[in-house]
Amino acid sequence: MATVPETSSEENPTLSHSNSISHSPQPLDQLATPWVDYAVEQARIYQKNVEETFESAIAASRSRLSEIRATSAAHFSQTINSLEDIKSNCAAYEELLFGKIKEGVHVAASNPMITAGVATGLGFLLLKSMH
């Protein structure tokens, strides 16, 4: 079983490269320090990128919302005008339809004999076509 030599708490463990002739033993904290520094630097860069992206998204959203607010009143009034035009067109067609029906009823009431004849003729045709 291998034993670990006792070291004082103030000494740093060393890593020696046995297959490397020109390298001298280096403490582990010296080898890890550049890697840790690099990792911290990368974490700061990622944090900065995330913050910039988030701020950019917020700025774009604010810009779009302000554009929507600026143009919504115009679009709303245009929609109201279009609905009023549709309403007036529907009222005109409704008046035309009810006017024709009213005129037909008036003609039928004015000529009761013709109306009775037409109703009887249509009754016979419809009853005969059903059988």
Protein backbone atom coordinates (compact mmCIF):
# COMPACT_ATOMS: atom_id res chain seq x y z
CA MET A 1 0.00 0.00 0.00
CA ALA A 2 1.33 3.40 -0.89
CA THR A 3 1.71 5.95 1.82
CA VAL A 4 1.32 9.64 1.40
CA PRO A 5 4.22 11.59 2.85
CA GLU A 6 3.20 14.11 5.45
CA THR A 7 3.52 17.72 4.44
CA SER A 8 3.08 20.83 6.46
CA SER A 9 -0.07 22.87 5.86
CA GLU A 10 1.97 25.74 4.43
CA GLU A 11 3.54 23.71 1.64
CA ASN A 12 1.77 23.40 -1.68
CA PRO A 13 1.56 19.99 -3.31
CA THR A 14 3.77 19.71 -6.35
CA LEU A 15 3.26 18.00 -9.65
CA SER A 16 6.33 16.62 -11.31
CA HIS A 17 6.56 15.45 -14.85
CA SER A 18 8.73 12.36 -14.68
CA ASN A 19 8.88 11.92 -18.42
CA SER A 20 9.83 15.56 -19.04
CA ILE A 21 13.49 16.34 -18.57
CA SER A 22 13.46 20.14 -18.86
CA HIS A 23 10.47 20.86 -16.61
CA SER A 24 10.89 21.48 -12.96
CA PRO A 25 8.19 20.57 -10.43
CA GLN A 26 5.40 23.19 -10.21
CA PRO A 27 2.90 23.66 -7.41
CA LEU A 28 -0.70 22.69 -8.27
CA ASP A 29 -2.05 26.13 -7.46
CA GLN A 30 0.25 27.66 -10.09
CA LEU A 31 -1.02 25.21 -12.70
CA ALA A 32 -4.68 25.75 -11.76
CA THR A 33 -4.53 29.54 -11.49
CA PRO A 34 -4.45 30.29 -15.25
CA TRP A 35 -7.30 27.86 -15.85
CA VAL A 36 -9.41 29.36 -13.05
CA ASP A 37 -8.65 32.89 -14.26
CA TYR A 38 -9.66 31.91 -17.78
CA ALA A 39 -12.91 30.33 -16.50
CA VAL A 40 -13.75 33.43 -14.47
CA GLU A 41 -13.01 35.66 -17.47
CA GLN A 42 -15.24 33.52 -19.70
CA ALA A 43 -18.02 33.60 -17.09
CA ARG A 44 -17.82 37.40 -17.00
CA ILE A 45 -17.93 37.56 -20.80
CA TYR A 46 -21.00 35.30 -20.88
CA GLN A 47 -22.67 37.36 -18.16
CA LYS A 48 -21.95 40.56 -20.10
CA ASN A 49 -23.33 39.01 -23.32
CA VAL A 50 -26.50 37.85 -21.56
CA GLU A 51 -27.02 41.29 -20.03
CA GLU A 52 -26.47 43.03 -23.38
CA THR A 53 -28.84 40.63 -25.15
CA PHE A 54 -31.49 41.11 -22.47
CA GLU A 55 -31.16 44.90 -22.62
CA SER A 56 -31.32 44.79 -26.42
CA ALA A 57 -34.49 42.69 -26.29
CA ILE A 58 -36.07 45.12 -23.82
CA ALA A 59 -35.12 48.10 -25.98
CA ALA A 60 -36.57 46.44 -29.09
CA SER A 61 -39.78 45.60 -27.23
CA ARG A 62 -40.11 49.17 -25.99
CA SER A 63 -39.57 50.47 -29.51
CA ARG A 64 -42.19 48.14 -30.95
CA LEU A 65 -44.68 48.98 -28.23
CA SER A 66 -44.20 52.70 -28.80
CA GLU A 67 -44.77 52.18 -32.53
CA ILE A 68 -47.94 50.22 -31.79
CA ARG A 69 -49.16 52.95 -29.44
CA ALA A 70 -48.38 55.63 -32.03
CA THR A 71 -50.23 53.89 -34.85
CA SER A 72 -53.03 52.21 -32.91
CA ALA A 73 -55.20 55.34 -32.72
CA ALA A 74 -55.04 55.78 -36.50
CA HIS A 75 -55.84 52.12 -37.13
CA PHE A 76 -58.67 52.21 -34.59
CA SER A 77 -60.31 55.24 -36.22
CA GLN A 78 -59.87 53.66 -39.65
CA THR A 79 -61.57 50.49 -38.38
CA ILE A 80 -64.44 52.55 -36.92
CA ASN A 81 -64.88 54.33 -40.26
CA SER A 82 -64.90 51.00 -42.13
CA LEU A 83 -67.51 49.58 -39.75
CA GLU A 84 -69.68 52.67 -40.20
CA ASP A 85 -69.45 52.26 -43.99
CA ILE A 86 -70.46 48.60 -43.69
CA LYS A 87 -73.33 49.55 -41.40
CA SER A 88 -74.62 52.14 -43.86
CA ASN A 89 -74.35 49.64 -46.76
CA CYS A 90 -76.25 47.03 -44.78
CA ALA A 91 -78.92 49.60 -43.90
CA ALA A 92 -79.28 50.49 -47.59
CA TYR A 93 -79.67 46.83 -48.65
CA GLU A 94 -82.07 46.20 -45.77
CA GLU A 95 -84.18 49.16 -46.81
CA LEU A 96 -84.16 47.93 -50.41
CA LEU A 97 -85.19 44.39 -49.39
CA PHE A 98 -87.97 45.48 -47.06
CA GLY A 99 -89.07 48.05 -49.62
CA LYS A 100 -89.50 45.31 -52.26
CA ILE A 101 -91.39 43.08 -49.80
CA LYS A 102 -93.61 45.98 -48.77
CA GLU A 103 -94.28 46.81 -52.42
CA GLY A 104 -95.18 43.15 -53.15
CA VAL A 105 -97.58 43.06 -50.22
CA HIS A 106 -99.13 46.32 -51.38
CA VAL A 107 -99.60 44.98 -54.93
CA ALA A 108 -101.08 41.74 -53.55
CA ALA A 109 -103.48 43.69 -51.33
CA SER A 110 -104.48 45.91 -54.27
CA ASN A 111 -105.38 42.96 -56.52
CA PRO A 112 -106.93 40.25 -54.35
CA MET A 113 -108.31 38.20 -57.29
CA ILE A 114 -104.93 37.91 -59.01
CA THR A 115 -103.28 37.09 -55.67
CA ALA A 116 -105.80 34.34 -54.94
CA GLY A 117 -105.34 32.87 -58.41
CA VAL A 118 -101.55 32.87 -58.15
CA ALA A 119 -101.67 31.32 -54.66
CA THR A 120 -104.08 28.60 -55.84
CA GLY A 121 -101.99 27.82 -58.93
CA LEU A 122 -98.78 27.58 -56.92
CA GLY A 123 -100.55 25.38 -54.36
CA PHE A 124 -101.63 22.91 -57.05
CA LEU A 125 -98.12 22.85 -58.60
CA LEU A 126 -96.40 22.35 -55.28
CA LEU A 127 -98.83 19.67 -54.08
CA LYS A 128 -98.66 17.85 -57.42
CA SER A 129 -94.83 17.91 -57.47
CA MET A 130 -94.66 16.44 -53.96
CA HIS A 131 -96.45 13.23 -54.97
